[in-house]
Protein backbone atom coordinates (compact mmCIF):
# COMPACT_ATOMS: atom_id res chain seq x y z
CA MET A 1 0.30 -0.35 0.12
CA GLU A 2 0.99 3.48 -0.92
CA GLU A 3 1.91 5.79 1.72
CA TYR A 4 1.03 9.51 0.90
CA PRO A 5 2.59 12.40 3.01
CA VAL A 6 0.29 14.37 5.93
CA PRO A 7 -0.68 17.52 4.27
CA LEU A 8 0.75 20.78 5.98
CA TYR A 9 -2.76 22.43 7.13
CA TYR A 10 -3.33 19.17 8.76
CA LYS A 11 -0.06 19.09 10.84
CA VAL A 12 -0.86 22.46 11.75
CA TYR A 13 -4.14 21.50 12.60
CA LYS A 14 -2.78 18.69 14.62
CA GLU A 15 -0.75 20.84 16.67
CA LEU A 16 -3.03 23.54 17.66
CA LYS A 17 -5.25 21.37 18.34
CA ARG A 18 -2.82 19.60 20.85
CA ARG A 19 -2.35 23.04 22.11
CA ILE A 20 -5.88 23.71 22.74
CA SER A 21 -6.46 20.00 24.39
CA GLU A 22 -3.28 20.51 26.42
CA GLY A 23 -4.28 23.78 28.12
CA GLU A 24 -1.51 25.95 26.35
CA TYR A 25 -4.86 27.77 24.92
CA ARG A 26 -7.50 27.89 27.20
CA PRO A 27 -11.55 28.75 26.06
CA GLY A 28 -11.40 32.41 25.79
CA ASP A 29 -7.97 32.92 24.54
CA ARG A 30 -7.18 34.89 21.56
CA ILE A 31 -4.48 32.98 19.63
CA PRO A 32 -1.93 34.72 17.55
CA PRO A 33 -3.12 36.35 14.62
CA GLU A 34 -2.84 34.44 10.99
CA ILE A 35 0.46 35.88 10.16
CA GLU A 36 2.71 35.25 13.45
CA LEU A 37 1.06 31.51 12.66
CA VAL A 38 2.54 31.40 9.06
CA LYS A 39 5.82 32.65 10.73
CA SER A 40 5.82 30.49 13.77
CA PHE A 41 4.93 26.89 11.23
CA ASN A 42 6.67 28.37 8.43
CA VAL A 43 3.77 27.78 6.19
CA SER A 44 1.79 30.06 3.91
CA ARG A 45 -1.51 31.61 4.92
CA LEU A 46 -3.67 29.49 2.87
CA THR A 47 -2.39 26.32 5.17
CA ILE A 48 -2.72 28.26 8.53
CA ARG A 49 -6.69 29.37 7.12
CA ARG A 50 -7.27 25.89 6.35
CA ALA A 51 -6.14 24.36 9.79
CA LEU A 52 -8.16 27.08 11.39
CA ASP A 53 -11.47 26.51 9.64
CA GLU A 54 -10.90 22.44 10.49
CA LEU A 55 -10.66 23.96 14.27
CA LYS A 56 -13.70 26.07 13.85
CA SER A 57 -15.65 23.20 12.05
CA GLU A 58 -15.20 20.92 15.35
CA GLY A 59 -16.23 24.08 17.14
CA LEU A 60 -12.59 24.28 19.15
CA ILE A 61 -12.20 28.23 17.86
CA THR A 62 -14.27 31.03 16.50
CA ARG A 63 -13.22 33.97 14.19
CA HIS A 64 -13.95 37.61 14.45
CA LYS A 65 -13.09 39.74 11.74
CA GLY A 66 -10.82 42.77 13.17
CA LYS A 67 -10.89 41.27 16.48
CA GLY A 68 -9.14 37.58 16.12
CA THR A 69 -9.72 33.96 16.52
CA PHE A 70 -10.38 32.56 19.93
CA ILE A 71 -10.72 29.28 21.75
CA VAL A 72 -13.74 28.30 22.15
CA GLY A 73 -13.18 24.70 23.70
CA LYS A 74 -15.99 21.94 24.91
CA LYS A 75 -16.67 23.54 28.32
CA GLU A 76 -19.62 25.63 27.34
CA GLU A 77 -21.03 22.74 25.97
CA GLU A 78 -21.18 21.34 29.46
CA SER A 79 -23.32 24.23 30.93
CA MET A 80 -25.60 25.16 28.13
CA ASN A 81 -28.14 23.17 29.78
CA VAL A 82 -27.98 25.39 32.72
CA LEU A 83 -29.75 28.90 32.30
CA LYS A 84 -27.54 30.19 34.61
CA GLY A 85 -24.51 28.31 34.01
CA PHE A 86 -24.32 29.33 30.92
CA THR A 87 -24.08 32.92 31.59
CA ASP A 88 -21.85 32.73 34.52
CA LYS A 89 -19.09 29.92 33.04
CA ALA A 90 -18.66 32.31 29.73
CA LYS A 91 -17.82 35.20 31.86
CA GLU A 92 -15.43 33.30 33.97
CA GLU A 93 -13.63 32.70 31.29
CA GLY A 94 -13.46 35.65 29.60
CA LEU A 95 -16.56 35.49 26.95
CA SER A 96 -18.64 38.18 26.34
CA VAL A 97 -22.04 37.01 26.91
CA ARG A 98 -25.80 37.91 25.08
CA SER A 99 -28.70 36.58 24.47
CA LEU A 100 -31.82 37.64 21.43
CA VAL A 101 -35.15 37.02 22.53
CA LEU A 102 -37.17 35.28 19.52
CA GLU A 103 -39.93 34.40 21.76
CA ASN A 104 -41.60 34.96 25.17
CA LYS A 105 -45.24 34.26 25.57
CA LEU A 106 -47.88 32.81 27.43
CA VAL A 107 -48.68 29.10 26.38
CA GLU A 108 -50.53 26.17 27.36
CA ILE A 109 -48.39 23.69 28.98
CA PRO A 110 -46.99 20.89 26.61
CA PRO A 111 -49.04 17.47 28.07
CA ASP A 112 -45.34 16.19 28.88
CA LEU A 113 -44.34 18.26 30.94
CA CYS A 114 -47.42 18.49 33.33
CA GLU A 115 -46.20 16.16 35.51
CA VAL A 116 -42.79 17.88 35.40
CA PHE A 117 -44.61 21.15 36.52
CA HIS A 118 -46.98 19.50 38.94
CA LEU A 119 -49.74 21.43 36.78
CA GLU A 120 -53.17 20.49 35.55
CA SER A 121 -53.22 19.98 31.38
CA GLY A 122 -54.27 23.37 30.08
CA ALA A 123 -52.13 25.38 32.55
CA MET A 124 -50.67 28.35 31.33
CA VAL A 125 -46.52 28.58 31.52
CA LEU A 126 -43.92 31.33 30.24
CA LEU A 127 -42.38 29.98 26.52
CA LEU A 128 -39.16 31.86 26.52
CA ARG A 129 -36.79 31.11 23.20
CA ARG A 130 -33.65 32.84 22.52
CA VAL A 131 -30.42 32.95 21.15
CA ARG A 132 -27.15 32.42 23.13
CA PHE A 133 -23.94 34.29 21.68
CA LEU A 134 -20.54 33.92 22.86
CA ASN A 135 -18.33 36.81 21.80
CA ASP A 136 -21.14 37.85 19.14
CA GLU A 137 -21.03 34.21 17.61
CA PRO A 138 -24.69 32.50 17.74
CA VAL A 139 -23.95 29.36 19.46
CA ALA A 140 -27.37 28.07 20.89
CA ILE A 141 -31.09 28.61 21.25
CA GLU A 142 -32.54 27.68 24.23
CA CYS A 143 -35.71 26.88 24.75
CA ALA A 144 -37.48 27.36 28.55
CA TYR A 145 -40.37 26.98 29.77
CA LEU A 146 -41.38 28.97 32.80
CA ASN A 147 -43.50 28.48 35.62
CA PRO A 148 -45.32 32.43 35.93
CA ALA A 149 -46.88 31.20 39.11
CA VAL A 150 -43.29 31.61 40.75
CA GLY A 151 -43.05 34.91 40.27
CA ILE A 152 -41.33 35.43 37.00
CA ARG A 153 -41.75 38.32 34.91
CA ILE A 154 -42.71 38.35 31.00
CA LEU A 155 -40.14 40.35 29.17
CA ASN A 156 -41.20 42.89 26.83
CA ILE A 157 -40.03 41.96 23.55
CA LEU A 158 -41.77 43.99 21.09
CA ASP A 159 -38.50 45.37 19.46
CA ARG A 160 -36.71 41.80 20.09
CA LYS A 161 -34.05 43.96 21.83
CA SER A 162 -31.12 42.25 22.58
CA VAL A 163 -30.92 40.93 26.28
CA VAL A 164 -28.04 39.28 28.82
């Protein structure tokens, strides 16, 4: 069987991925600009971009024009299921967090949630759907049902403003 050389972009990708997994680059860190990576790895800018594209496709980095490339890591995925934890964890790691409310209204409770909320069929709950952003990059759409009986106020979203 014939062996083929490993593409340069793949070598760069593997090295950057190693640095991320070993903590050399931590979530929220800005990695060196492309031009520095070109010099460091002694490869073309196209090679660096292809390696970064691979990392981005795996959700390990996020790229922002004029700002740089930042490590996302896997930690945010673990905390996305917790409403407050997502924001707190991201802020701890130096990431900017914002949400865009898509929907915020009273709805009849879905039948499969009646038991969870200890509510009768037909009871009203608050449906909150929002896009969660880290460093202005959309990372999740969150859908939550909230029991208004416990004093959760309904947000005014007529103009669909961003909220934290």
